[in-house]
Amino acid sequence: MQFYRLYAGADGQSHFEPLDGAKANFFNDTKPATSHLFRDDFAPHIVNFHRAPRRRWVVTLTGSVKIGLGDGSSMTFHPGDVFLAEDTTGQGHTATPTDWTRLYVNLD
């Protein structure tokens, strides 16, 4: 299971931070959320650079998604992988889905 945070740095670019060392802060404790959304459709705008519309957990349920960053790097998330999308400012990221079903858990 990949467990990451996607955030906007001071340079205005999105970056990944592994949360593996911080799992204890997120597991086995109830946290507040405002809403959730199961999504399996293709949203054409996500292939271009875009920002997260709000802070949210993104859980890949089936398929995969390749998340691209402004520096040319990317990560691919598969079923069971999770990232906290917090890049609500800056350039944002791209997303290239392949039969991607995901769960968004909105935090605010």
PDB file of N, CA and C in Angstrom:
ATOM      1  N   MET A   1       0.843  -1.186   0.000  1.00  0.00           N
ATOM      2  CA  MET A   1       0.000   0.000   0.000  1.00  0.00           C
ATOM      3  C   MET A   1       0.883   1.243   0.000  1.00  0.00           C
ATOM      4  N   GLN A   2       0.684   2.090  -1.002  1.00  0.00           N
ATOM      5  CA  GLN A   2       1.365   3.379  -1.022  1.00  0.00           C
ATOM      6  C   GLN A   2       0.516   4.377  -0.229  1.00  0.00           C
ATOM      7  N   PHE A   3       1.181   5.212   0.542  1.00  0.00           N
ATOM      8  CA  PHE A   3       0.498   6.150   1.426  1.00  0.00           C
ATOM      9  C   PHE A   3       1.258   7.471   1.354  1.00  0.00           C
ATOM     10  N   TYR A   4       0.695   8.473   0.644  1.00  0.00           N
ATOM     11  CA  TYR A   4       1.401   9.708   0.340  1.00  0.00           C
ATOM     12  C   TYR A   4       0.553  10.940   0.597  1.00  0.00           C
ATOM     13  N   ARG A   5       1.241  12.060   0.659  1.00  0.00           N
ATOM     14  CA  ARG A   5       0.613  13.378   0.695  1.00  0.00           C
ATOM     15  C   ARG A   5       1.048  14.110  -0.569  1.00  0.00           C
ATOM     16  N   LEU A   6       0.102  14.732  -1.272  1.00  0.00           N
ATOM     17  CA  LEU A   6       0.356  15.548  -2.450  1.00  0.00           C
ATOM     18  C   LEU A   6       0.092  16.987  -2.031  1.00  0.00           C
ATOM     19  N   TYR A   7       1.128  17.817  -2.054  1.00  0.00           N
ATOM     20  CA  TYR A   7       0.998  19.180  -1.530  1.00  0.00           C
ATOM     21  C   TYR A   7       1.696  20.181  -2.442  1.00  0.00           C
ATOM     22  N   ALA A   8       1.342  21.458  -2.304  1.00  0.00           N
ATOM     23  CA  ALA A   8       1.984  22.541  -3.043  1.00  0.00           C
ATOM     24  C   ALA A   8       3.113  23.097  -2.185  1.00  0.00           C
ATOM     25  N   GLY A   9       4.315  23.120  -2.769  1.00  0.00           N
ATOM     26  CA  GLY A   9       5.470  23.658  -2.061  1.00  0.00           C
ATOM     27  C   GLY A   9       5.571  25.165  -2.230  1.00  0.00           C
ATOM     28  N   ALA A  10       6.538  25.743  -1.546  1.00  0.00           N
ATOM     29  CA  ALA A  10       6.783  27.187  -1.637  1.00  0.00           C
ATOM     30  C   ALA A  10       7.154  27.602  -3.059  1.00  0.00           C
ATOM     31  N   ASP A  11       7.609  26.650  -3.873  1.00  0.00           N
ATOM     32  CA  ASP A  11       7.977  26.929  -5.260  1.00  0.00           C
ATOM     33  C   ASP A  11       6.779  26.949  -6.202  1.00  0.00           C
ATOM     34  N   GLY A  12       5.568  26.743  -5.671  1.00  0.00           N
ATOM     35  CA  GLY A  12       4.363  26.747  -6.493  1.00  0.00           C
ATOM     36  C   GLY A  12       4.127  25.441  -7.237  1.00  0.00           C
ATOM     37  N   GLN A  13       4.954  24.442  -6.992  1.00  0.00           N
ATOM     38  CA  GLN A  13       4.834  23.143  -7.638  1.00  0.00           C
ATOM     39  C   GLN A  13       4.254  22.114  -6.671  1.00  0.00           C
ATOM     40  N   SER A  14       3.618  21.098  -7.206  1.00  0.00           N
ATOM     41  CA  SER A  14       3.123  19.999  -6.384  1.00  0.00           C
ATOM     42  C   SER A  14       4.249  19.003  -6.139  1.00  0.00           C
ATOM     43  N   HIS A  15       4.223  18.408  -4.963  1.00  0.00           N
ATOM     44  CA  HIS A  15       5.242  17.443  -4.541  1.00  0.00           C
ATOM     45  C   HIS A  15       4.559  16.300  -3.806  1.00  0.00           C
ATOM     46  N   PHE A  16       5.211  15.141  -3.794  1.00  0.00           N
ATOM     47  CA  PHE A  16       4.755  14.011  -2.993  1.00  0.00           C
ATOM     48  C   PHE A  16       5.606  13.889  -1.747  1.00  0.00           C
ATOM     49  N   GLU A  17       4.968  13.547  -0.645  1.00  0.00           N
ATOM     50  CA  GLU A  17       5.655  13.252   0.613  1.00  0.00           C
ATOM     51  C   GLU A  17       5.157  11.896   1.097  1.00  0.00           C
ATOM     52  N   PRO A  18       6.067  10.934   1.316  1.00  0.00           N
ATOM     53  CA  PRO A  18       5.607   9.646   1.842  1.00  0.00           C
ATOM     54  C   PRO A  18       5.104   9.817   3.274  1.00  0.00           C
ATOM     55  N   LEU A  19       4.005   9.156   3.585  1.00  0.00           N
ATOM     56  CA  LEU A  19       3.435   9.224   4.932  1.00  0.00           C
ATOM     57  C   LEU A  19       3.649   7.924   5.699  1.00  0.00           C
ATOM     58  N   ASP A  20       4.457   7.030   5.162  1.00  0.00           N
ATOM     59  CA  ASP A  20       4.656   5.738   5.819  1.00  0.00           C
ATOM     60  C   ASP A  20       5.105   5.887   7.264  1.00  0.00           C
ATOM     61  N   GLY A  21       5.999   6.823   7.545  1.00  0.00           N
ATOM     62  CA  GLY A  21       6.476   7.016   8.905  1.00  0.00           C
ATOM     63  C   GLY A  21       5.438   7.625   9.821  1.00  0.00           C
ATOM     64  N   ALA A  22       4.397   8.213   9.233  1.00  0.00           N
ATOM     65  CA  ALA A  22       3.357   8.869  10.019  1.00  0.00           C
ATOM     66  C   ALA A  22       2.070   8.064  10.072  1.00  0.00           C
ATOM     67  N   LYS A  23       2.100   6.806   9.627  1.00  0.00           N
ATOM     68  CA  LYS A  23       0.869   6.008   9.586  1.00  0.00           C
ATOM     69  C   LYS A  23       0.155   5.973  10.922  1.00  0.00           C
ATOM     70  N   ALA A  24       0.911   5.930  12.002  1.00  0.00           N
ATOM     71  CA  ALA A  24       0.299   5.855  13.332  1.00  0.00           C
ATOM     72  C   ALA A  24      -0.613   7.049  13.589  1.00  0.00           C
ATOM     73  N   ASN A  25      -0.347   8.180  12.936  1.00  0.00           N
ATOM     74  CA  ASN A  25      -1.189   9.366  13.119  1.00  0.00           C
ATOM     75  C   ASN A  25      -2.514   9.260  12.381  1.00  0.00           C
ATOM     76  N   PHE A  26      -2.615   8.333  11.429  1.00  0.00           N
ATOM     77  CA  PHE A  26      -3.798   8.250  10.585  1.00  0.00           C
ATOM     78  C   PHE A  26      -4.614   6.980  10.793  1.00  0.00           C
ATOM     79  N   PHE A  27      -4.012   5.930  11.323  1.00  0.00           N
ATOM     80  CA  PHE A  27      -4.683   4.643  11.433  1.00  0.00           C
ATOM     81  C   PHE A  27      -5.289   4.446  12.821  1.00  0.00           C
ATOM     82  N   ASN A  28      -6.379   3.683  12.853  1.00  0.00           N
ATOM     83  CA  ASN A  28      -7.018   3.231  14.082  1.00  0.00           C
ATOM     84  C   ASN A  28      -7.555   4.358  14.951  1.00  0.00           C
ATOM     85  N   ASP A  29      -7.922   5.453  14.319  1.00  0.00           N
ATOM     86  CA  ASP A  29      -8.504   6.569  15.035  1.00  0.00           C
ATOM     87  C   ASP A  29      -9.490   7.252  14.094  1.00  0.00           C
ATOM     88  N   THR A  30     -10.671   7.542  14.553  1.00  0.00           N
ATOM     89  CA  THR A  30     -11.677   8.200  13.737  1.00  0.00           C
ATOM     90  C   THR A  30     -11.289   9.658  13.520  1.00  0.00           C
ATOM     91  N   LYS A  31     -11.378  10.110  12.278  1.00  0.00           N
ATOM     92  CA  LYS A  31     -11.065  11.498  11.918  1.00  0.00           C
ATOM     93  C   LYS A  31     -12.300  12.119  11.277  1.00  0.00           C
ATOM     94  N   PRO A  32     -12.486  13.426  11.430  1.00  0.00           N
ATOM     95  CA  PRO A  32     -13.647  14.065  10.820  1.00  0.00           C
ATOM     96  C   PRO A  32     -13.499  14.182   9.301  1.00  0.00           C
ATOM     97  N   ALA A  33     -14.628  14.097   8.614  1.00  0.00           N
ATOM     98  CA  ALA A  33     -14.702  14.317   7.172  1.00  0.00           C
ATOM     99  C   ALA A  33     -16.032  15.006   6.898  1.00  0.00           C
ATOM    100  N   THR A  34     -16.099  15.729   5.787  1.00  0.00           N
ATOM    101  CA  THR A  34     -17.329  16.463   5.493  1.00  0.00           C
ATOM    102  C   THR A  34     -18.235  15.743   4.502  1.00  0.00           C
ATOM    103  N   SER A  35     -17.657  14.953   3.603  1.00  0.00           N
ATOM    104  CA  SER A  35     -18.447  14.226   2.620  1.00  0.00           C
ATOM    105  C   SER A  35     -17.553  13.220   1.914  1.00  0.00           C
ATOM    106  N   HIS A  36     -18.174  12.379   1.104  1.00  0.00           N
ATOM    107  CA  HIS A  36     -17.390  11.435   0.298  1.00  0.00           C
ATOM    108  C   HIS A  36     -18.052  11.288  -1.072  1.00  0.00           C
ATOM    109  N   LEU A  37     -17.273  10.806  -2.029  1.00  0.00           N
ATOM    110  CA  LEU A  37     -17.763  10.630  -3.386  1.00  0.00           C
ATOM    111  C   LEU A  37     -17.074   9.422  -4.005  1.00  0.00           C
ATOM    112  N   PHE A  38     -17.854   8.444  -4.428  1.00  0.00           N
ATOM    113  CA  PHE A  38     -17.336   7.347  -5.242  1.00  0.00           C
ATOM    114  C   PHE A  38     -17.398   7.827  -6.683  1.00  0.00           C
ATOM    115  N   ARG A  39     -16.309   7.639  -7.431  1.00  0.00           N
ATOM    116  CA  ARG A  39     -16.301   8.119  -8.814  1.00  0.00           C
ATOM    117  C   ARG A  39     -15.649   7.082  -9.716  1.00  0.00           C
ATOM    118  N   ASP A  40     -16.299   6.827 -10.861  1.00  0.00           N
ATOM    119  CA  ASP A  40     -15.727   5.891 -11.827  1.00  0.00           C
ATOM    120  C   ASP A  40     -15.747   6.439 -13.244  1.00  0.00           C
ATOM    121  N   ASP A  41     -16.168   7.689 -13.397  1.00  0.00           N
ATOM    122  CA  ASP A  41     -16.214   8.253 -14.738  1.00  0.00           C
ATOM    123  C   ASP A  41     -14.903   8.956 -15.073  1.00  0.00           C
ATOM    124  N   PHE A  42     -14.723   9.219 -16.350  1.00  0.00           N
ATOM    125  CA  PHE A  42     -13.543   9.926 -16.816  1.00  0.00           C
ATOM    126  C   PHE A  42     -13.839  11.413 -16.818  1.00  0.00           C
ATOM    127  N   ALA A  43     -13.022  12.179 -16.137  1.00  0.00           N
ATOM    128  CA  ALA A  43     -13.166  13.631 -16.103  1.00  0.00           C
ATOM    129  C   ALA A  43     -12.065  14.223 -16.991  1.00  0.00           C
ATOM    130  N   PRO A  44     -12.391  14.688 -18.190  1.00  0.00           N
ATOM    131  CA  PRO A  44     -11.371  15.097 -19.160  1.00  0.00           C
ATOM    132  C   PRO A  44     -10.389  16.156 -18.667  1.00  0.00           C
ATOM    133  N   HIS A  45     -10.822  17.028 -17.766  1.00  0.00           N
ATOM    134  CA  HIS A  45      -9.936  18.102 -17.318  1.00  0.00           C
ATOM    135  C   HIS A  45      -8.740  17.602 -16.503  1.00  0.00           C
ATOM    136  N   ILE A  46      -8.806  16.396 -15.968  1.00  0.00           N
ATOM    137  CA  ILE A  46      -7.739  15.953 -15.072  1.00  0.00           C
ATOM    138  C   ILE A  46      -6.444  15.580 -15.793  1.00  0.00           C
ATOM    139  N   VAL A  47      -6.492  15.403 -17.115  1.00  0.00           N
ATOM    140  CA  VAL A  47      -5.261  15.065 -17.830  1.00  0.00           C
ATOM    141  C   VAL A  47      -4.354  16.288 -17.958  1.00  0.00           C
ATOM    142  N   ASN A  48      -4.912  17.480 -17.798  1.00  0.00           N
ATOM    143  CA  ASN A  48      -4.128  18.715 -17.792  1.00  0.00           C
ATOM    144  C   ASN A  48      -3.805  19.100 -16.351  1.00  0.00           C
ATOM    145  N   PHE A  49      -2.872  20.028 -16.181  1.00  0.00           N
ATOM    146  CA  PHE A  49      -2.546  20.462 -14.821  1.00  0.00           C
ATOM    147  C   PHE A  49      -3.776  21.077 -14.166  1.00  0.00           C
ATOM    148  N   HIS A  50      -4.042  20.627 -12.962  1.00  0.00           N
ATOM    149  CA  HIS A  50      -5.160  21.129 -12.174  1.00  0.00           C
ATOM    150  C   HIS A  50      -4.810  20.970 -10.692  1.00  0.00           C
ATOM    151  N   ARG A  51      -5.474  21.737  -9.870  1.00  0.00           N
ATOM    152  CA  ARG A  51      -5.270  21.654  -8.421  1.00  0.00           C
ATOM    153  C   ARG A  51      -6.393  20.825  -7.803  1.00  0.00           C
ATOM    154  N   ALA A  52      -6.111  20.280  -6.643  1.00  0.00           N
ATOM    155  CA  ALA A  52      -7.177  19.613  -5.895  1.00  0.00           C
ATOM    156  C   ALA A  52      -8.221  20.669  -5.535  1.00  0.00           C
ATOM    157  N   PRO A  53      -9.509  20.360  -5.720  1.00  0.00           N
ATOM    158  CA  PRO A  53     -10.546  21.355  -5.427  1.00  0.00           C
ATOM    159  C   PRO A  53     -10.726  21.612  -3.935  1.00  0.00           C
ATOM    160  N   ARG A  54     -10.257  20.676  -3.115  1.00  0.00           N
ATOM    161  CA  ARG A  54     -10.328  20.802  -1.654  1.00  0.00           C
ATOM    162  C   ARG A  54      -9.408  19.740  -1.067  1.00  0.00           C
ATOM    163  N   ARG A  55      -9.132  19.834   0.206  1.00  0.00           N
ATOM    164  CA  ARG A  55      -8.346  18.792   0.869  1.00  0.00           C
ATOM    165  C   ARG A  55      -9.174  17.520   0.889  1.00  0.00           C
ATOM    166  N   ARG A  56      -8.564  16.445   0.402  1.00  0.00           N
ATOM    167  CA  ARG A  56      -9.307  15.188   0.361  1.00  0.00           C
ATOM    168  C   ARG A  56      -8.353  14.010   0.289  1.00  0.00           C
ATOM    169  N   TRP A  57      -8.802  12.915   0.866  1.00  0.00           N
ATOM    170  CA  TRP A  57      -8.135  11.640   0.668  1.00  0.00           C
ATOM    171  C   TRP A  57      -8.615  11.072  -0.658  1.00  0.00           C
ATOM    172  N   VAL A  58      -7.698  10.467  -1.410  1.00  0.00           N
ATOM    173  CA  VAL A  58      -8.035   9.811  -2.664  1.00  0.00           C
ATOM    174  C   VAL A  58      -7.614   8.350  -2.532  1.00  0.00           C
ATOM    175  N   VAL A  59      -8.580   7.455  -2.586  1.00  0.00           N
ATOM    176  CA  VAL A  59      -8.346   6.022  -2.413  1.00  0.00           C
ATOM    177  C   VAL A  59      -8.641   5.336  -3.742  1.00  0.00           C
ATOM    178  N   THR A  60      -7.645   4.691  -4.314  1.00  0.00           N
ATOM    179  CA  THR A  60      -7.863   3.947  -5.556  1.00  0.00           C
ATOM    180  C   THR A  60      -8.497   2.605  -5.218  1.00  0.00           C
ATOM    181  N   LEU A  61      -9.663   2.346  -5.811  1.00  0.00           N
ATOM    182  CA  LEU A  61     -10.395   1.108  -5.555  1.00  0.00           C
ATOM    183  C   LEU A  61     -10.132   0.069  -6.640  1.00  0.00           C
ATOM    184  N   THR A  62     -10.191   0.482  -7.918  1.00  0.00           N
ATOM    185  CA  THR A  62      -9.879  -0.410  -9.037  1.00  0.00           C
ATOM    186  C   THR A  62      -9.128   0.395 -10.088  1.00  0.00           C
ATOM    187  N   GLY A  63      -8.451  -0.293 -10.975  1.00  0.00           N
ATOM    188  CA  GLY A  63      -7.703   0.372 -12.025  1.00  0.00           C
ATOM    189  C   GLY A  63      -6.474   1.055 -11.467  1.00  0.00           C
ATOM    190  N   SER A  64      -6.069   2.141 -12.116  1.00  0.00           N
ATOM    191  CA  SER A  64      -4.890   2.879 -11.665  1.00  0.00           C
ATOM    192  C   SER A  64      -4.966   4.310 -12.159  1.00  0.00           C
ATOM    193  N   VAL A  65      -4.117   5.154 -11.559  1.00  0.00           N
ATOM    194  CA  VAL A  65      -3.981   6.537 -12.010  1.00  0.00           C
ATOM    195  C   VAL A  65      -2.515   6.932 -11.877  1.00  0.00           C
ATOM    196  N   LYS A  66      -2.014   7.567 -12.906  1.00  0.00           N
ATOM    197  CA  LYS A  66      -0.657   8.097 -12.902  1.00  0.00           C
ATOM    198  C   LYS A  66      -0.766   9.593 -12.623  1.00  0.00           C
ATOM    199  N   ILE A  67      -0.185  10.045 -11.527  1.00  0.00           N
ATOM    200  CA  ILE A  67      -0.211  11.448 -11.138  1.00  0.00           C
ATOM    201  C   ILE A  67       1.120  12.077 -11.556  1.00  0.00           C
ATOM    202  N   GLY A  68       1.042  13.101 -12.401  1.00  0.00           N
ATOM    203  CA  GLY A  68       2.232  13.776 -12.899  1.00  0.00           C
ATOM    204  C   GLY A  68       2.452  15.109 -12.218  1.00  0.00           C
ATOM    205  N   LEU A  69       3.721  15.441 -11.996  1.00  0.00           N
ATOM    206  CA  LEU A  69       4.094  16.692 -11.350  1.00  0.00           C
ATOM    207  C   LEU A  69       4.803  17.608 -12.340  1.00  0.00           C
ATOM    208  N   GLY A  70       4.919  18.883 -11.997  1.00  0.00           N
ATOM    209  CA  GLY A  70       5.524  19.870 -12.872  1.00  0.00           C
ATOM    210  C   GLY A  70       6.979  19.622 -13.198  1.00  0.00           C
ATOM    211  N   ASP A  71       7.690  18.892 -12.341  1.00  0.00           N
ATOM    212  CA  ASP A  71       9.108  18.618 -12.598  1.00  0.00           C
ATOM    213  C   ASP A  71       9.302  17.421 -13.528  1.00  0.00           C
ATOM    214  N   GLY A  72       8.205  16.852 -14.012  1.00  0.00           N
ATOM    215  CA  GLY A  72       8.277  15.718 -14.930  1.00  0.00           C
ATOM    216  C   GLY A  72       8.193  14.366 -14.251  1.00  0.00           C
ATOM    217  N   SER A  73       8.255  14.324 -12.932  1.00  0.00           N
ATOM    218  CA  SER A  73       8.154  13.053 -12.217  1.00  0.00           C
ATOM    219  C   SER A  73       6.686  12.637 -12.109  1.00  0.00           C
ATOM    220  N   SER A  74       6.467  11.375 -11.788  1.00  0.00           N
ATOM    221  CA  SER A  74       5.108  10.871 -11.643  1.00  0.00           C
ATOM    222  C   SER A  74       5.097   9.674 -10.706  1.00  0.00           C
ATOM    223  N   MET A  75       3.922   9.357 -10.219  1.00  0.00           N
ATOM    224  CA  MET A  75       3.691   8.163  -9.408  1.00  0.00           C
ATOM    225  C   MET A  75       2.402   7.527  -9.897  1.00  0.00           C
ATOM    226  N   THR A  76       2.372   6.202  -9.887  1.00  0.00           N
ATOM    227  CA  THR A  76       1.169   5.478 -10.272  1.00  0.00           C
ATOM    228  C   THR A  76       0.572   4.820  -9.038  1.00  0.00           C
ATOM    229  N   PHE A  77      -0.723   5.011  -8.859  1.00  0.00           N
ATOM    230  CA  PHE A  77      -1.448   4.464  -7.720  1.00  0.00           C
ATOM    231  C   PHE A  77      -2.366   3.353  -8.211  1.00  0.00           C
ATOM    232  N   HIS A  78      -2.370   2.244  -7.467  1.00  0.00           N
ATOM    233  CA  HIS A  78      -3.129   1.040  -7.785  1.00  0.00           C
ATOM    234  C   HIS A  78      -4.133   0.770  -6.665  1.00  0.00           C
ATOM    235  N   PRO A  79      -4.998  -0.239  -6.816  1.00  0.00           N
ATOM    236  CA  PRO A  79      -5.980  -0.528  -5.769  1.00  0.00           C
ATOM    237  C   PRO A  79      -5.336  -0.671  -4.392  1.00  0.00           C
ATOM    238  N   GLY A  80      -5.929   0.036  -3.432  1.00  0.00           N
ATOM    239  CA  GLY A  80      -5.435   0.024  -2.064  1.00  0.00           C
ATOM    240  C   GLY A  80      -4.491   1.170  -1.755  1.00  0.00           C
ATOM    241  N   ASP A  81      -4.002   1.869  -2.783  1.00  0.00           N
ATOM    242  CA  ASP A  81      -3.102   3.009  -2.561  1.00  0.00           C
ATOM    243  C   ASP A  81      -3.926   4.247  -2.215  1.00  0.00           C
ATOM    244  N   VAL A  82      -3.324   5.119  -1.409  1.00  0.00           N
ATOM    245  CA  VAL A  82      -4.018   6.289  -0.881  1.00  0.00           C
ATOM    246  C   VAL A  82      -3.095   7.496  -0.941  1.00  0.00           C
ATOM    247  N   PHE A  83      -3.674   8.654  -1.296  1.00  0.00           N
ATOM    248  CA  PHE A  83      -2.911   9.888  -1.109  1.00  0.00           C
ATOM    249  C   PHE A  83      -3.829  10.996  -0.626  1.00  0.00           C
ATOM    250  N   LEU A  84      -3.235  11.889   0.151  1.00  0.00           N
ATOM    251  CA  LEU A  84      -3.928  13.046   0.683  1.00  0.00           C
ATOM    252  C   LEU A  84      -3.665  14.199  -0.271  1.00  0.00           C
ATOM    253  N   ALA A  85      -4.671  14.603  -1.034  1.00  0.00           N
ATOM    254  CA  ALA A  85      -4.521  15.689  -2.006  1.00  0.00           C
ATOM    255  C   ALA A  85      -4.695  17.020  -1.291  1.00  0.00           C
ATOM    256  N   GLU A  86      -3.600  17.755  -1.187  1.00  0.00           N
ATOM    257  CA  GLU A  86      -3.618  19.063  -0.537  1.00  0.00           C
ATOM    258  C   GLU A  86      -3.015  20.149  -1.426  1.00  0.00           C
ATOM    259  N   ASP A  87      -2.802  19.862  -2.688  1.00  0.00           N
ATOM    260  CA  ASP A  87      -2.231  20.879  -3.589  1.00  0.00           C
ATOM    261  C   ASP A  87      -3.353  21.752  -4.160  1.00  0.00           C
ATOM    262  N   THR A  88      -3.968  22.523  -3.274  1.00  0.00           N
ATOM    263  CA  THR A  88      -5.094  23.379  -3.645  1.00  0.00           C
ATOM    264  C   THR A  88      -4.630  24.729  -4.191  1.00  0.00           C
ATOM    265  N   THR A  89      -3.325  24.970  -4.214  1.00  0.00           N
ATOM    266  CA  THR A  89      -2.738  26.173  -4.793  1.00  0.00           C
ATOM    267  C   THR A  89      -1.611  25.742  -5.723  1.00  0.00           C
ATOM    268  N   GLY A  90      -1.064  26.708  -6.454  1.00  0.00           N
ATOM    269  CA  GLY A  90       0.072  26.413  -7.320  1.00  0.00           C
ATOM    270  C   GLY A  90      -0.348  25.805  -8.650  1.00  0.00           C
ATOM    271  N   GLN A  91       0.633  25.200  -9.347  1.00  0.00           N
ATOM    272  CA  GLN A  91       0.402  24.635 -10.675  1.00  0.00           C
ATOM    273  C   GLN A  91      -0.515  23.424 -10.633  1.00  0.00           C
ATOM    274  N   GLY A  92      -0.421  22.625  -9.609  1.00  0.00           N
ATOM    275  CA  GLY A  92      -1.225  21.425  -9.514  1.00  0.00           C
ATOM    276  C   GLY A  92      -0.536  20.223 -10.139  1.00  0.00           C
ATOM    277  N   HIS A  93      -1.325  19.257 -10.542  1.00  0.00           N
ATOM    278  CA  HIS A  93      -0.825  17.977 -11.025  1.00  0.00           C
ATOM    279  C   HIS A  93      -1.680  17.520 -12.210  1.00  0.00           C
ATOM    280  N   THR A  94      -1.209  16.497 -12.909  1.00  0.00           N
ATOM    281  CA  THR A  94      -1.999  15.860 -13.951  1.00  0.00           C
ATOM    282  C   THR A  94      -2.419  14.488 -13.445  1.00  0.00           C
ATOM    283  N   ALA A  95      -3.420  13.911 -14.074  1.00  0.00           N
ATOM    284  CA  ALA A  95      -3.859  12.563 -13.717  1.00  0.00           C
ATOM    285  C   ALA A  95      -4.186  11.810 -15.000  1.00  0.00           C
ATOM    286  N   THR A  96      -3.559  10.658 -15.157  1.00  0.00           N
ATOM    287  CA  THR A  96      -3.827   9.809 -16.309  1.00  0.00           C
ATOM    288  C   THR A  96      -4.437   8.505 -15.801  1.00  0.00           C
ATOM    289  N   PRO A  97      -5.757   8.378 -15.854  1.00  0.00           N
ATOM    290  CA  PRO A  97      -6.424   7.200 -15.303  1.00  0.00           C
ATOM    291  C   PRO A  97      -6.498   6.046 -16.299  1.00  0.00           C
ATOM    292  N   THR A  98      -6.517   4.842 -15.751  1.00  0.00           N
ATOM    293  CA  THR A  98      -6.777   3.629 -16.516  1.00  0.00           C
ATOM    294  C   THR A  98      -7.843   2.837 -15.771  1.00  0.00           C
ATOM    295  N   ASP A  99      -9.088   2.888 -16.282  1.00  0.00           N
ATOM    296  CA  ASP A  99     -10.210   2.198 -15.626  1.00  0.00           C
ATOM    297  C   ASP A  99     -10.223   2.479 -14.125  1.00  0.00           C
ATOM    298  N   TRP A 100     -10.115   3.750 -13.775  1.00  0.00           N
ATOM    299  CA  TRP A 100      -9.904   4.181 -12.398  1.00  0.00           C
ATOM    300  C   TRP A 100     -11.221   4.395 -11.660  1.00  0.00           C
ATOM    301  N   THR A 101     -11.430   3.635 -10.606  1.00  0.00           N
ATOM    302  CA  THR A 101     -12.524   3.868  -9.667  1.00  0.00           C
ATOM    303  C   THR A 101     -11.878   4.314  -8.368  1.00  0.00           C
ATOM    304  N   ARG A 102     -12.382   5.412  -7.829  1.00  0.00           N
ATOM    305  CA  ARG A 102     -11.761   5.972  -6.637  1.00  0.00           C
ATOM    306  C   ARG A 102     -12.818   6.450  -5.659  1.00  0.00           C
ATOM    307  N   LEU A 103     -12.356   6.625  -4.438  1.00  0.00           N
ATOM    308  CA  LEU A 103     -13.176   7.196  -3.376  1.00  0.00           C
ATOM    309  C   LEU A 103     -12.500   8.476  -2.929  1.00  0.00           C
ATOM    310  N   TYR A 104     -13.232   9.585  -2.987  1.00  0.00           N
ATOM    311  CA  TYR A 104     -12.758  10.847  -2.436  1.00  0.00           C
ATOM    312  C   TYR A 104     -13.404  11.006  -1.059  1.00  0.00           C
ATOM    313  N   VAL A 105     -12.592  11.303  -0.070  1.00  0.00           N
ATOM    314  CA  VAL A 105     -13.097  11.614   1.269  1.00  0.00           C
ATOM    315  C   VAL A 105     -12.709  13.056   1.532  1.00  0.00           C
ATOM    316  N   ASN A 106     -13.695  13.948   1.441  1.00  0.00           N
ATOM    317  CA  ASN A 106     -13.446  15.375   1.572  1.00  0.00           C
ATOM    318  C   ASN A 106     -13.276  15.761   3.030  1.00  0.00           C
ATOM    319  N   LEU A 107     -12.262  16.581   3.274  1.00  0.00           N
ATOM    320  CA  LEU A 107     -11.935  16.965   4.649  1.00  0.00           C
ATOM    321  C   LEU A 107     -12.419  18.362   5.002  1.00  0.00           C
ATOM    322  N   ASP A 108     -12.677  19.198   4.011  1.00  0.00           N
ATOM    323  CA  ASP A 108     -13.222  20.529   4.292  1.00  0.00           C
ATOM    324  C   ASP A 108     -13.960  21.064   3.095  1.00  0.00           C
TER     325      ASP A 108
END
